[in-house]
Amino acid sequence: MFEVKVVKTKEELELAFAIRKKVFVMEQGVPLHLELDEYDAISTHFIVLDQDKTIAAARLREIDSKVGKVERVCVLKEYRGKKLGVLIMQKVEEYAIKQGWKKLKLNAQSYAVPFYEKLGFKVTSPEFLDANIPHRAMEKII
């Protein structure tokens, strides 16, 4: 049984960072100084646990009144295909709604656009490079 948690402790935050480093830095080649940034300190972080093992992460931050930005959504390679992306995105959206936010934005890696479209997000930009990876901006009214 998988559990999604809002990060509450420094130890849990370090677990989220470890997942992000494995997926984005080691697997995708994103430079560490781009992956861990100034927004980490002002964001709400989420982790997914498989019993006591952290297997996925995401962060959410307010970017404008009533608008949140979902970032750094990632799942360890061996856990992909188990709908953990859907699970963590549902928790992120529930959290945003509780904050009274009306819209979520994100920059999806282009290959992941169909995943986010199934969750109700719409593409709002042409393709662009971020950390040398093709992305599309997307948003959803919540």
C-alpha atoms as a PDB file:
ATOM      1  CA  MET A   1       0.000   0.000   0.000  1.00  0.00           C
ATOM      2  CA  PHE A   2       1.461   3.347  -1.036  1.00  0.00           C
ATOM      3  CA  GLU A   3       1.149   6.447   1.147  1.00  0.00           C
ATOM      4  CA  VAL A   4       1.481  10.074   0.021  1.00  0.00           C
ATOM      5  CA  LYS A   5       2.694  12.463   2.716  1.00  0.00           C
ATOM      6  CA  VAL A   6       3.156  16.191   2.941  1.00  0.00           C
ATOM      7  CA  VAL A   7       6.749  16.661   4.093  1.00  0.00           C
ATOM      8  CA  LYS A   8       6.894  17.902   7.696  1.00  0.00           C
ATOM      9  CA  THR A   9      10.482  17.264   8.836  1.00  0.00           C
ATOM     10  CA  LYS A  10      13.999  17.993   7.630  1.00  0.00           C
ATOM     11  CA  GLU A  11      14.569  14.229   7.340  1.00  0.00           C
ATOM     12  CA  GLU A  12      11.535  13.825   5.059  1.00  0.00           C
ATOM     13  CA  LEU A  13      12.732  16.778   2.959  1.00  0.00           C
ATOM     14  CA  GLU A  14      16.118  15.094   2.529  1.00  0.00           C
ATOM     15  CA  LEU A  15      14.306  11.946   1.347  1.00  0.00           C
ATOM     16  CA  ALA A  16      12.453  14.010  -1.267  1.00  0.00           C
ATOM     17  CA  PHE A  17      15.735  15.558  -2.407  1.00  0.00           C
ATOM     18  CA  ALA A  18      17.319  12.089  -2.683  1.00  0.00           C
ATOM     19  CA  ILE A  19      14.553  10.909  -5.045  1.00  0.00           C
ATOM     20  CA  ARG A  20      14.881  14.071  -7.147  1.00  0.00           C
ATOM     21  CA  LYS A  21      18.661  13.618  -7.379  1.00  0.00           C
ATOM     22  CA  LYS A  22      18.268  10.000  -8.522  1.00  0.00           C
ATOM     23  CA  VAL A  23      15.678  10.824 -11.195  1.00  0.00           C
ATOM     24  CA  PHE A  24      16.649  14.262 -12.463  1.00  0.00           C
ATOM     25  CA  VAL A  25      20.396  14.504 -11.790  1.00  0.00           C
ATOM     26  CA  MET A  26      21.621  10.930 -12.154  1.00  0.00           C
ATOM     27  CA  GLU A  27      19.076   9.594 -14.662  1.00  0.00           C
ATOM     28  CA  GLN A  28      18.325  12.679 -16.789  1.00  0.00           C
ATOM     29  CA  GLY A  29      21.577  14.620 -16.405  1.00  0.00           C
ATOM     30  CA  VAL A  30      20.110  17.807 -14.909  1.00  0.00           C
ATOM     31  CA  PRO A  31      22.864  19.782 -13.136  1.00  0.00           C
ATOM     32  CA  LEU A  32      22.452  19.650  -9.348  1.00  0.00           C
ATOM     33  CA  HIS A  33      22.514  23.458  -9.048  1.00  0.00           C
ATOM     34  CA  LEU A  34      19.428  23.611 -11.310  1.00  0.00           C
ATOM     35  CA  GLU A  35      17.603  20.737  -9.614  1.00  0.00           C
ATOM     36  CA  LEU A  36      17.882  22.008  -6.050  1.00  0.00           C
ATOM     37  CA  ASP A  37      17.054  25.711  -6.147  1.00  0.00           C
ATOM     38  CA  GLU A  38      15.894  28.732  -4.177  1.00  0.00           C
ATOM     39  CA  TYR A  39      12.245  27.655  -4.466  1.00  0.00           C
ATOM     40  CA  ASP A  40      12.769  24.569  -2.315  1.00  0.00           C
ATOM     41  CA  ALA A  41      12.735  26.745   0.816  1.00  0.00           C
ATOM     42  CA  ILE A  42       9.320  28.260   0.000  1.00  0.00           C
ATOM     43  CA  SER A  43       7.591  25.164  -1.411  1.00  0.00           C
ATOM     44  CA  THR A  44       5.426  22.435   0.061  1.00  0.00           C
ATOM     45  CA  HIS A  45       6.996  19.060  -0.647  1.00  0.00           C
ATOM     46  CA  PHE A  46       5.345  15.667  -1.033  1.00  0.00           C
ATOM     47  CA  ILE A  47       6.748  12.140  -0.848  1.00  0.00           C
ATOM     48  CA  VAL A  48       5.309   8.718  -1.618  1.00  0.00           C
ATOM     49  CA  LEU A  49       6.226   5.826   0.641  1.00  0.00           C
ATOM     50  CA  ASP A  50       6.176   2.088  -0.007  1.00  0.00           C
ATOM     51  CA  GLN A  51       6.163   1.021   3.635  1.00  0.00           C
ATOM     52  CA  ASP A  52       9.369   2.699   4.871  1.00  0.00           C
ATOM     53  CA  LYS A  53      10.975   3.357   1.469  1.00  0.00           C
ATOM     54  CA  THR A  54      10.583   6.747  -0.232  1.00  0.00           C
ATOM     55  CA  ILE A  55       9.806   6.146  -3.920  1.00  0.00           C
ATOM     56  CA  ALA A  56       8.420   9.383  -5.383  1.00  0.00           C
ATOM     57  CA  ALA A  57       8.382  13.120  -4.762  1.00  0.00           C
ATOM     58  CA  ALA A  58       6.897  16.436  -5.910  1.00  0.00           C
ATOM     59  CA  ARG A  59       6.791  20.047  -4.798  1.00  0.00           C
ATOM     60  CA  LEU A  60       4.166  22.765  -4.949  1.00  0.00           C
ATOM     61  CA  ARG A  61       4.533  26.501  -4.504  1.00  0.00           C
ATOM     62  CA  GLU A  62       2.289  29.516  -4.701  1.00  0.00           C
ATOM     63  CA  ILE A  63       3.332  31.707  -7.626  1.00  0.00           C
ATOM     64  CA  ASP A  64       0.484  34.211  -7.613  1.00  0.00           C
ATOM     65  CA  SER A  65      -2.639  34.813  -5.592  1.00  0.00           C
ATOM     66  CA  LYS A  66      -4.694  31.611  -5.862  1.00  0.00           C
ATOM     67  CA  VAL A  67      -2.253  29.997  -8.364  1.00  0.00           C
ATOM     68  CA  GLY A  68       0.105  27.142  -7.566  1.00  0.00           C
ATOM     69  CA  LYS A  69       2.944  25.653  -9.572  1.00  0.00           C
ATOM     70  CA  VAL A  70       3.598  21.915  -9.486  1.00  0.00           C
ATOM     71  CA  GLU A  71       7.258  21.048  -9.913  1.00  0.00           C
ATOM     72  CA  ARG A  72       9.773  18.224  -9.619  1.00  0.00           C
ATOM     73  CA  VAL A  73       7.252  15.371  -9.940  1.00  0.00           C
ATOM     74  CA  CYS A  74       9.293  12.172 -10.080  1.00  0.00           C
ATOM     75  CA  VAL A  75       9.038   8.437  -9.442  1.00  0.00           C
ATOM     76  CA  LEU A  76      11.917   5.996  -9.058  1.00  0.00           C
ATOM     77  CA  LYS A  77      12.404   3.974 -12.238  1.00  0.00           C
ATOM     78  CA  GLU A  78      11.529   0.628 -10.646  1.00  0.00           C
ATOM     79  CA  TYR A  79       8.162   2.005  -9.441  1.00  0.00           C
ATOM     80  CA  ARG A  80       6.988   3.567 -12.707  1.00  0.00           C
ATOM     81  CA  GLY A  81       3.808   2.227 -14.275  1.00  0.00           C
ATOM     82  CA  LYS A  82       2.102   1.772 -10.895  1.00  0.00           C
ATOM     83  CA  LYS A  83       0.001   4.972 -11.096  1.00  0.00           C
ATOM     84  CA  LEU A  84       2.119   6.725  -8.459  1.00  0.00           C
ATOM     85  CA  GLY A  85       2.220   9.877 -10.581  1.00  0.00           C
ATOM     86  CA  VAL A  86      -1.578   9.975 -10.475  1.00  0.00           C
ATOM     87  CA  LEU A  87      -1.548   9.335  -6.726  1.00  0.00           C
ATOM     88  CA  ILE A  88       0.881  12.148  -5.920  1.00  0.00           C
ATOM     89  CA  MET A  89      -0.846  14.583  -8.299  1.00  0.00           C
ATOM     90  CA  GLN A  90      -4.202  13.884  -6.620  1.00  0.00           C
ATOM     91  CA  LYS A  91      -2.664  14.744  -3.227  1.00  0.00           C
ATOM     92  CA  VAL A  92      -1.039  17.898  -4.643  1.00  0.00           C
ATOM     93  CA  GLU A  93      -4.355  19.016  -6.130  1.00  0.00           C
ATOM     94  CA  GLU A  94      -6.255  18.292  -2.888  1.00  0.00           C
ATOM     95  CA  TYR A  95      -3.690  20.339  -0.984  1.00  0.00           C
ATOM     96  CA  ALA A  96      -3.989  23.251  -3.452  1.00  0.00           C
ATOM     97  CA  ILE A  97      -7.782  23.234  -3.191  1.00  0.00           C
ATOM     98  CA  LYS A  98      -7.530  23.348   0.633  1.00  0.00           C
ATOM     99  CA  GLN A  99      -5.333  26.459   0.234  1.00  0.00           C
ATOM    100  CA  GLY A 100      -8.148  28.088  -1.745  1.00  0.00           C
ATOM    101  CA  TRP A 101      -6.139  28.136  -4.969  1.00  0.00           C
ATOM    102  CA  LYS A 102      -8.057  28.209  -8.254  1.00  0.00           C
ATOM    103  CA  LYS A 103      -5.415  27.148 -10.782  1.00  0.00           C
ATOM    104  CA  LEU A 104      -2.389  24.891 -11.045  1.00  0.00           C
ATOM    105  CA  LYS A 105       0.427  25.419 -13.524  1.00  0.00           C
ATOM    106  CA  LEU A 106       3.366  23.184 -14.403  1.00  0.00           C
ATOM    107  CA  ASN A 107       6.109  22.729 -16.977  1.00  0.00           C
ATOM    108  CA  ALA A 108       5.859  19.140 -18.201  1.00  0.00           C
ATOM    109  CA  GLN A 109       8.644  17.316 -19.926  1.00  0.00           C
ATOM    110  CA  SER A 110       7.208  16.916 -23.426  1.00  0.00           C
ATOM    111  CA  TYR A 111       7.000  13.118 -23.246  1.00  0.00           C
ATOM    112  CA  ALA A 112       4.790  13.493 -20.110  1.00  0.00           C
ATOM    113  CA  VAL A 113       2.222  15.856 -21.681  1.00  0.00           C
ATOM    114  CA  PRO A 114      -0.312  13.015 -22.312  1.00  0.00           C
ATOM    115  CA  PHE A 115      -0.060  11.982 -18.634  1.00  0.00           C
ATOM    116  CA  TYR A 116      -0.946  15.496 -17.457  1.00  0.00           C
ATOM    117  CA  GLU A 117      -3.664  15.876 -20.097  1.00  0.00           C
ATOM    118  CA  LYS A 118      -5.377  12.789 -18.623  1.00  0.00           C
ATOM    119  CA  LEU A 119      -5.386  14.654 -15.305  1.00  0.00           C
ATOM    120  CA  GLY A 120      -7.143  17.650 -16.883  1.00  0.00           C
ATOM    121  CA  PHE A 121      -4.182  19.905 -17.671  1.00  0.00           C
ATOM    122  CA  LYS A 122      -4.104  21.856 -20.956  1.00  0.00           C
ATOM    123  CA  VAL A 123      -0.998  22.833 -22.912  1.00  0.00           C
ATOM    124  CA  THR A 124      -0.434  26.613 -22.861  1.00  0.00           C
ATOM    125  CA  SER A 125       2.905  27.033 -24.645  1.00  0.00           C
ATOM    126  CA  PRO A 126       4.994  25.879 -27.555  1.00  0.00           C
ATOM    127  CA  GLU A 127       7.812  23.485 -26.721  1.00  0.00           C
ATOM    128  CA  PHE A 128      10.828  25.019 -24.934  1.00  0.00           C
ATOM    129  CA  LEU A 129      14.041  23.732 -23.372  1.00  0.00           C
ATOM    130  CA  ASP A 130      14.569  23.661 -19.621  1.00  0.00           C
ATOM    131  CA  ALA A 131      17.842  22.072 -18.424  1.00  0.00           C
ATOM    132  CA  ASN A 132      18.247  21.034 -22.077  1.00  0.00           C
ATOM    133  CA  ILE A 133      15.053  18.905 -21.888  1.00  0.00           C
ATOM    134  CA  PRO A 134      11.988  19.709 -24.065  1.00  0.00           C
ATOM    135  CA  HIS A 135       9.032  20.972 -22.003  1.00  0.00           C
ATOM    136  CA  ARG A 136       5.532  22.421 -22.473  1.00  0.00           C
ATOM    137  CA  ALA A 137       3.762  24.744 -20.043  1.00  0.00           C
ATOM    138  CA  MET A 138       0.387  23.445 -18.879  1.00  0.00           C
ATOM    139  CA  GLU A 139      -2.377  24.567 -16.530  1.00  0.00           C
ATOM    140  CA  LYS A 140      -5.593  23.371 -14.943  1.00  0.00           C
ATOM    141  CA  ILE A 141      -8.483  25.197 -13.293  1.00  0.00           C
ATOM    142  CA  ILE A 142      -9.239  23.456  -9.987  1.00  0.00           C
END
